[in-house]
Amino acid sequence: MSKQIIATDKAPAAVGPYSQAVQVGDLIYTAGQLGLVPGTKTFAGPDIESQTRQALKNLKAILEAAGSCLQHVVKTTVFLQDIGEFAQMNGVYAEFFPEDPPARSAVQVAALPLGARVEIEAVAEACDCASPEECGCRCDH
């Protein structure tokens, strides 16, 4: 089985020896995404809500570059700088996964890159639908 590297300028570029995502077979593995605005080193805001929203937008862009979408996410891992902000993160997270949410782990960590409040990574299925109507997904084909 070969791996395919996924990259898009609609999400922050990898700043080290890693890829934004890698597809192997029917699965897409993303790198952790911070709440950085693509093309900058600037957070979408100082608070957990704005950083969570941007991190999820970044994940969405990466999955779409792979031909998939958030609906095909099967597992996420959320790294929080402060577990006390779980409820605020969870409120924003629910906006992106309103139905049949993926499995998830959420943990507090000692620190995140650039002083981020949150980092989120995902594993998603590749979408092999001929059209969104075929499988009812929201992937752009």
N, C-alpha and C. Protein backbone atom coordinates (compact mmCIF):
# COMPACT_ATOMS: atom_id res chain seq x y z
N MET A 1 0.85 -1.17 0.00
CA MET A 1 0.00 0.00 0.00
C MET A 1 0.90 1.24 0.00
N SER A 2 0.63 2.17 -0.88
CA SER A 2 1.45 3.37 -0.94
C SER A 2 0.77 4.53 -0.21
N LYS A 3 1.58 5.46 0.21
CA LYS A 3 1.03 6.63 0.89
C LYS A 3 1.05 7.82 -0.05
N GLN A 4 0.05 8.68 0.14
CA GLN A 4 -0.06 9.90 -0.66
C GLN A 4 -0.01 11.08 0.29
N ILE A 5 0.85 12.03 0.01
CA ILE A 5 0.99 13.23 0.83
C ILE A 5 -0.08 14.24 0.40
N ILE A 6 -0.77 14.80 1.39
CA ILE A 6 -1.82 15.79 1.14
C ILE A 6 -1.30 17.15 1.59
N ALA A 7 -1.45 18.16 0.75
CA ALA A 7 -1.02 19.51 1.08
C ALA A 7 -1.96 20.52 0.44
N THR A 8 -2.22 21.60 1.17
CA THR A 8 -3.06 22.68 0.65
C THR A 8 -2.60 24.00 1.24
N ASP A 9 -2.74 25.07 0.47
CA ASP A 9 -2.42 26.39 1.00
C ASP A 9 -3.61 27.00 1.73
N LYS A 10 -4.71 26.26 1.82
CA LYS A 10 -5.89 26.73 2.55
C LYS A 10 -5.83 26.38 4.04
N ALA A 11 -4.70 25.81 4.45
CA ALA A 11 -4.42 25.52 5.85
C ALA A 11 -2.96 25.89 6.11
N PRO A 12 -2.59 26.12 7.37
CA PRO A 12 -1.20 26.47 7.65
C PRO A 12 -0.23 25.42 7.10
N ALA A 13 0.84 25.89 6.51
CA ALA A 13 1.86 25.00 5.96
C ALA A 13 2.59 24.27 7.09
N ALA A 14 3.06 23.09 6.78
CA ALA A 14 3.89 22.35 7.72
C ALA A 14 5.17 23.15 7.95
N VAL A 15 5.56 23.29 9.20
CA VAL A 15 6.74 24.09 9.52
C VAL A 15 7.88 23.21 10.04
N GLY A 16 7.85 21.97 9.69
CA GLY A 16 8.88 21.03 10.11
C GLY A 16 8.84 19.82 9.20
N PRO A 17 9.54 18.77 9.60
CA PRO A 17 9.58 17.57 8.77
C PRO A 17 8.33 16.70 8.97
N TYR A 18 7.19 17.24 8.57
CA TYR A 18 5.93 16.48 8.62
C TYR A 18 5.03 17.00 7.51
N SER A 19 3.98 16.24 7.22
CA SER A 19 3.01 16.61 6.19
C SER A 19 1.72 17.07 6.85
N GLN A 20 0.95 17.89 6.15
CA GLN A 20 -0.36 18.30 6.66
C GLN A 20 -1.25 17.08 6.85
N ALA A 21 -1.16 16.14 5.92
CA ALA A 21 -1.90 14.88 6.04
C ALA A 21 -1.25 13.84 5.13
N VAL A 22 -1.55 12.59 5.45
CA VAL A 22 -1.09 11.47 4.65
C VAL A 22 -2.27 10.53 4.46
N GLN A 23 -2.48 10.10 3.21
CA GLN A 23 -3.51 9.12 2.94
C GLN A 23 -2.84 7.79 2.67
N VAL A 24 -3.33 6.76 3.36
CA VAL A 24 -2.88 5.39 3.14
C VAL A 24 -4.14 4.56 2.96
N GLY A 25 -4.30 3.98 1.80
CA GLY A 25 -5.51 3.22 1.54
C GLY A 25 -6.73 4.11 1.64
N ASP A 26 -7.69 3.69 2.43
CA ASP A 26 -8.94 4.43 2.57
C ASP A 26 -8.94 5.40 3.75
N LEU A 27 -7.80 5.59 4.40
CA LEU A 27 -7.75 6.47 5.57
C LEU A 27 -6.83 7.66 5.35
N ILE A 28 -7.25 8.80 5.91
CA ILE A 28 -6.48 10.04 5.86
C ILE A 28 -6.13 10.40 7.29
N TYR A 29 -4.85 10.60 7.55
CA TYR A 29 -4.35 10.98 8.87
C TYR A 29 -3.85 12.41 8.80
N THR A 30 -4.42 13.30 9.58
CA THR A 30 -3.95 14.69 9.54
C THR A 30 -2.93 14.93 10.64
N ALA A 31 -2.10 15.92 10.42
CA ALA A 31 -1.25 16.43 11.47
C ALA A 31 -2.12 17.28 12.39
N GLY A 32 -1.69 17.50 13.60
CA GLY A 32 -2.42 18.37 14.51
C GLY A 32 -2.50 19.77 13.95
N GLN A 33 -3.67 20.38 14.07
CA GLN A 33 -3.88 21.73 13.56
C GLN A 33 -4.13 22.69 14.71
N LEU A 34 -3.40 23.79 14.67
CA LEU A 34 -3.60 24.88 15.63
C LEU A 34 -4.62 25.85 15.04
N GLY A 35 -5.00 26.82 15.82
CA GLY A 35 -5.94 27.84 15.35
C GLY A 35 -5.27 28.97 14.61
N LEU A 36 -4.28 28.65 13.78
CA LEU A 36 -3.56 29.66 13.00
C LEU A 36 -4.30 29.97 11.71
N VAL A 37 -4.32 31.24 11.35
CA VAL A 37 -4.88 31.67 10.07
C VAL A 37 -3.89 31.25 8.98
N PRO A 38 -4.36 30.53 7.94
CA PRO A 38 -3.46 30.08 6.87
C PRO A 38 -2.63 31.24 6.29
N GLY A 39 -1.37 30.95 6.02
CA GLY A 39 -0.47 31.94 5.45
C GLY A 39 0.12 32.90 6.46
N THR A 40 -0.19 32.70 7.73
CA THR A 40 0.33 33.58 8.78
C THR A 40 0.83 32.74 9.95
N LYS A 41 1.40 33.39 10.92
CA LYS A 41 1.74 32.76 12.20
C LYS A 41 0.85 33.38 13.28
N THR A 42 -0.32 33.86 12.86
CA THR A 42 -1.24 34.57 13.75
C THR A 42 -2.43 33.69 14.09
N PHE A 43 -2.76 33.62 15.38
CA PHE A 43 -3.94 32.88 15.80
C PHE A 43 -5.20 33.66 15.41
N ALA A 44 -6.28 32.93 15.17
CA ALA A 44 -7.55 33.55 14.81
C ALA A 44 -8.06 34.44 15.94
N GLY A 45 -7.58 34.23 17.14
CA GLY A 45 -7.95 35.02 18.30
C GLY A 45 -7.23 34.46 19.52
N PRO A 46 -7.27 35.17 20.63
CA PRO A 46 -6.56 34.71 21.83
C PRO A 46 -7.34 33.66 22.63
N ASP A 47 -8.64 33.52 22.35
CA ASP A 47 -9.50 32.66 23.17
C ASP A 47 -9.64 31.26 22.59
N ILE A 48 -10.07 30.33 23.43
CA ILE A 48 -10.22 28.93 23.02
C ILE A 48 -11.25 28.76 21.91
N GLU A 49 -12.32 29.53 21.94
CA GLU A 49 -13.36 29.39 20.92
C GLU A 49 -12.83 29.73 19.52
N SER A 50 -12.19 30.86 19.39
CA SER A 50 -11.70 31.26 18.06
C SER A 50 -10.60 30.33 17.57
N GLN A 51 -9.75 29.86 18.47
CA GLN A 51 -8.68 28.94 18.07
C GLN A 51 -9.24 27.57 17.70
N THR A 52 -10.24 27.10 18.43
CA THR A 52 -10.88 25.82 18.09
C THR A 52 -11.54 25.92 16.73
N ARG A 53 -12.29 26.98 16.50
CA ARG A 53 -12.99 27.17 15.22
C ARG A 53 -11.99 27.17 14.06
N GLN A 54 -10.89 27.89 14.21
CA GLN A 54 -9.91 27.95 13.12
C GLN A 54 -9.19 26.62 12.95
N ALA A 55 -8.88 25.93 14.03
CA ALA A 55 -8.23 24.61 13.92
C ALA A 55 -9.13 23.65 13.13
N LEU A 56 -10.43 23.69 13.40
CA LEU A 56 -11.37 22.82 12.69
C LEU A 56 -11.54 23.26 11.23
N LYS A 57 -11.51 24.56 10.96
CA LYS A 57 -11.53 25.03 9.57
C LYS A 57 -10.29 24.54 8.83
N ASN A 58 -9.15 24.55 9.52
CA ASN A 58 -7.91 24.06 8.90
C ASN A 58 -8.00 22.57 8.59
N LEU A 59 -8.55 21.79 9.54
CA LEU A 59 -8.75 20.36 9.29
C LEU A 59 -9.68 20.14 8.11
N LYS A 60 -10.75 20.91 8.05
CA LYS A 60 -11.72 20.81 6.96
C LYS A 60 -11.03 21.06 5.62
N ALA A 61 -10.20 22.08 5.54
CA ALA A 61 -9.50 22.41 4.30
C ALA A 61 -8.56 21.28 3.88
N ILE A 62 -7.88 20.69 4.83
CA ILE A 62 -6.95 19.59 4.52
C ILE A 62 -7.73 18.37 4.02
N LEU A 63 -8.81 18.04 4.70
CA LEU A 63 -9.62 16.89 4.28
C LEU A 63 -10.22 17.13 2.90
N GLU A 64 -10.66 18.34 2.63
CA GLU A 64 -11.20 18.65 1.31
C GLU A 64 -10.13 18.56 0.23
N ALA A 65 -8.89 18.93 0.57
CA ALA A 65 -7.79 18.79 -0.39
C ALA A 65 -7.54 17.32 -0.72
N ALA A 66 -7.90 16.44 0.21
CA ALA A 66 -7.76 15.00 0.00
C ALA A 66 -9.01 14.41 -0.67
N GLY A 67 -10.02 15.25 -0.94
CA GLY A 67 -11.24 14.77 -1.56
C GLY A 67 -12.22 14.20 -0.56
N SER A 68 -12.06 14.52 0.70
CA SER A 68 -12.95 14.03 1.75
C SER A 68 -13.60 15.23 2.44
N CYS A 69 -14.16 15.02 3.63
CA CYS A 69 -14.80 16.11 4.36
C CYS A 69 -14.94 15.73 5.83
N LEU A 70 -15.38 16.67 6.64
CA LEU A 70 -15.54 16.42 8.07
C LEU A 70 -16.52 15.29 8.36
N GLN A 71 -17.50 15.09 7.49
CA GLN A 71 -18.48 14.03 7.71
C GLN A 71 -17.83 12.65 7.73
N HIS A 72 -16.67 12.51 7.10
CA HIS A 72 -15.98 11.22 7.03
C HIS A 72 -14.95 11.03 8.15
N VAL A 73 -14.87 11.97 9.08
CA VAL A 73 -13.93 11.83 10.20
C VAL A 73 -14.43 10.73 11.13
N VAL A 74 -13.53 9.82 11.48
CA VAL A 74 -13.88 8.71 12.37
C VAL A 74 -13.29 8.87 13.77
N LYS A 75 -12.23 9.68 13.90
CA LYS A 75 -11.58 9.85 15.21
C LYS A 75 -10.84 11.18 15.24
N THR A 76 -10.98 11.90 16.34
CA THR A 76 -10.18 13.11 16.56
C THR A 76 -9.47 12.99 17.90
N THR A 77 -8.39 13.72 18.01
CA THR A 77 -7.71 13.90 19.29
C THR A 77 -7.57 15.40 19.49
N VAL A 78 -8.02 15.87 20.64
CA VAL A 78 -7.98 17.28 20.99
C VAL A 78 -6.98 17.46 22.12
N PHE A 79 -5.99 18.31 21.90
CA PHE A 79 -4.99 18.63 22.90
C PHE A 79 -5.30 20.02 23.43
N LEU A 80 -5.56 20.13 24.71
CA LEU A 80 -5.92 21.41 25.33
C LEU A 80 -4.80 21.90 26.22
N GLN A 81 -4.52 23.19 26.16
CA GLN A 81 -3.55 23.78 27.06
C GLN A 81 -4.13 23.83 28.47
N ASP A 82 -5.45 23.96 28.58
CA ASP A 82 -6.14 24.02 29.87
C ASP A 82 -7.44 23.23 29.78
N ILE A 83 -7.50 22.10 30.47
CA ILE A 83 -8.71 21.25 30.43
C ILE A 83 -9.92 21.99 30.99
N GLY A 84 -9.69 23.06 31.72
CA GLY A 84 -10.78 23.89 32.23
C GLY A 84 -11.55 24.59 31.11
N GLU A 85 -10.98 24.61 29.90
CA GLU A 85 -11.64 25.22 28.74
C GLU A 85 -12.36 24.18 27.87
N PHE A 86 -12.51 22.97 28.42
CA PHE A 86 -13.14 21.88 27.67
C PHE A 86 -14.54 22.26 27.19
N ALA A 87 -15.37 22.82 28.06
CA ALA A 87 -16.76 23.14 27.70
C ALA A 87 -16.81 24.15 26.55
N GLN A 88 -15.94 25.16 26.57
CA GLN A 88 -15.93 26.16 25.49
C GLN A 88 -15.48 25.52 24.17
N MET A 89 -14.43 24.68 24.24
CA MET A 89 -13.97 23.97 23.04
C MET A 89 -15.09 23.08 22.52
N ASN A 90 -15.74 22.36 23.42
CA ASN A 90 -16.77 21.40 23.05
C ASN A 90 -17.95 22.09 22.35
N GLY A 91 -18.30 23.29 22.78
CA GLY A 91 -19.39 24.03 22.14
C GLY A 91 -19.10 24.33 20.69
N VAL A 92 -17.87 24.77 20.41
CA VAL A 92 -17.48 25.06 19.02
C VAL A 92 -17.36 23.75 18.23
N TYR A 93 -16.76 22.75 18.83
CA TYR A 93 -16.57 21.44 18.19
C TYR A 93 -17.92 20.89 17.71
N ALA A 94 -18.95 21.02 18.54
CA ALA A 94 -20.29 20.51 18.20
C ALA A 94 -20.86 21.18 16.96
N GLU A 95 -20.47 22.43 16.68
CA GLU A 95 -20.93 23.12 15.47
C GLU A 95 -20.41 22.42 14.21
N PHE A 96 -19.22 21.84 14.29
CA PHE A 96 -18.59 21.20 13.13
C PHE A 96 -19.01 19.74 12.97
N PHE A 97 -19.48 19.13 14.06
CA PHE A 97 -19.91 17.73 14.03
C PHE A 97 -21.31 17.62 14.66
N PRO A 98 -22.33 18.20 13.98
CA PRO A 98 -23.67 18.26 14.58
C PRO A 98 -24.39 16.91 14.63
N GLU A 99 -24.03 15.97 13.75
CA GLU A 99 -24.68 14.67 13.72
C GLU A 99 -23.63 13.57 13.63
N ASP A 100 -23.88 12.47 14.30
CA ASP A 100 -22.99 11.30 14.26
C ASP A 100 -21.51 11.71 14.41
N PRO A 101 -21.16 12.37 15.52
CA PRO A 101 -19.78 12.83 15.69
C PRO A 101 -18.80 11.67 15.76
N PRO A 102 -17.54 11.94 15.41
CA PRO A 102 -16.52 10.90 15.46
C PRO A 102 -16.16 10.56 16.91
N ALA A 103 -15.47 9.45 17.07
CA ALA A 103 -14.88 9.13 18.36
C ALA A 103 -13.86 10.23 18.67
N ARG A 104 -13.62 10.47 19.96
CA ARG A 104 -12.72 11.59 20.31
C ARG A 104 -12.02 11.31 21.63
N SER A 105 -10.79 11.76 21.71
CA SER A 105 -10.05 11.83 22.96
C SER A 105 -9.71 13.30 23.16
N ALA A 106 -9.73 13.75 24.41
CA ALA A 106 -9.34 15.13 24.73
C ALA A 106 -8.46 15.08 25.97
N VAL A 107 -7.29 15.69 25.88
CA VAL A 107 -6.35 15.67 26.99
C VAL A 107 -5.73 17.05 27.20
N GLN A 108 -5.34 17.31 28.42
CA GLN A 108 -4.57 18.52 28.72
C GLN A 108 -3.10 18.18 28.55
N VAL A 109 -2.36 19.11 27.96
CA VAL A 109 -0.93 18.93 27.74
C VAL A 109 -0.17 20.06 28.44
N ALA A 110 1.11 19.85 28.65
CA ALA A 110 1.92 20.85 29.36
C ALA A 110 2.04 22.15 28.56
N ALA A 111 2.15 22.02 27.24
CA ALA A 111 2.28 23.20 26.38
C ALA A 111 2.00 22.78 24.95
N LEU A 112 1.62 23.77 24.12
CA LEU A 112 1.40 23.56 22.69
C LEU A 112 2.28 24.54 21.91
N PRO A 113 2.59 24.22 20.64
CA PRO A 113 3.43 25.11 19.85
C PRO A 113 2.87 26.53 19.79
N LEU A 114 3.77 27.49 19.82
CA LEU A 114 3.45 28.91 19.66
C LEU A 114 2.51 29.44 20.76
N GLY A 115 2.36 28.68 21.84
CA GLY A 115 1.47 29.12 22.92
C GLY A 115 0.00 28.92 22.60
N ALA A 116 -0.29 27.99 21.69
CA ALA A 116 -1.69 27.72 21.30
C ALA A 116 -2.50 27.24 22.49
N ARG A 117 -3.79 27.43 22.42
CA ARG A 117 -4.73 26.96 23.45
C ARG A 117 -5.25 25.57 23.12
N VAL A 118 -5.24 25.21 21.79
CA VAL A 118 -5.79 23.93 21.36
C VAL A 118 -5.08 23.46 20.09
N GLU A 119 -5.00 22.15 19.95
CA GLU A 119 -4.51 21.50 18.73
C GLU A 119 -5.40 20.30 18.50
N ILE A 120 -5.82 20.09 17.24
CA ILE A 120 -6.73 19.00 16.92
C ILE A 120 -6.20 18.23 15.72
N GLU A 121 -6.20 16.90 15.84
CA GLU A 121 -5.84 16.04 14.71
C GLU A 121 -7.00 15.11 14.43
N ALA A 122 -7.01 14.54 13.22
CA ALA A 122 -8.13 13.69 12.83
C ALA A 122 -7.68 12.52 11.97
N VAL A 123 -8.50 11.48 12.00
CA VAL A 123 -8.40 10.36 11.07
C VAL A 123 -9.75 10.31 10.36
N ALA A 124 -9.70 10.26 9.04
CA ALA A 124 -10.94 10.27 8.25
C ALA A 124 -10.89 9.21 7.17
N GLU A 125 -12.06 8.78 6.75
CA GLU A 125 -12.18 7.89 5.60
C GLU A 125 -12.06 8.73 4.33
N ALA A 126 -11.43 8.16 3.33
CA ALA A 126 -11.43 8.80 2.02
C ALA A 126 -12.84 8.66 1.45
N CYS A 127 -13.29 9.66 0.74
CA CYS A 127 -14.62 9.60 0.13
C CYS A 127 -14.47 9.03 -1.28
N ASP A 128 -15.20 7.96 -1.53
CA ASP A 128 -15.13 7.37 -2.86
C ASP A 128 -16.47 7.46 -3.59
N CYS A 129 -17.31 8.39 -3.13
CA CYS A 129 -18.61 8.60 -3.77
C CYS A 129 -18.41 9.26 -5.14
N ALA A 130 -19.24 8.88 -6.08
CA ALA A 130 -19.19 9.52 -7.39
C ALA A 130 -19.76 10.93 -7.32
N SER A 131 -20.70 11.14 -6.39
CA SER A 131 -21.29 12.46 -6.20
C SER A 131 -21.82 12.55 -4.78
N PRO A 132 -21.94 13.77 -4.22
CA PRO A 132 -22.47 13.91 -2.86
C PRO A 132 -23.85 13.28 -2.69
N GLU A 133 -24.67 13.33 -3.74
CA GLU A 133 -26.01 12.78 -3.66
C GLU A 133 -25.99 11.27 -3.48
N GLU A 134 -24.94 10.63 -4.03
CA GLU A 134 -24.84 9.16 -3.98
C GLU A 134 -24.78 8.64 -2.54
N CYS A 135 -23.99 9.31 -1.73
CA CYS A 135 -23.82 8.80 -0.36
C CYS A 135 -24.33 9.78 0.69
N GLY A 136 -24.84 10.92 0.26
CA GLY A 136 -25.38 11.88 1.22
C GLY A 136 -24.31 12.68 1.96
N CYS A 137 -23.09 12.64 1.49
CA CYS A 137 -22.03 13.38 2.17
C CYS A 137 -21.95 14.82 1.67
N ARG A 138 -21.13 15.61 2.33
CA ARG A 138 -20.96 17.01 1.95
C ARG A 138 -19.62 17.26 1.28
N CYS A 139 -18.97 16.20 0.84
CA CYS A 139 -17.67 16.36 0.18
C CYS A 139 -17.85 17.03 -1.18
N ASP A 140 -16.90 17.88 -1.52
CA ASP A 140 -16.91 18.50 -2.84
C ASP A 140 -16.18 17.59 -3.81
N HIS A 141 -16.83 17.30 -4.91
CA HIS A 141 -16.23 16.42 -5.91
C HIS A 141 -15.95 17.20 -7.17
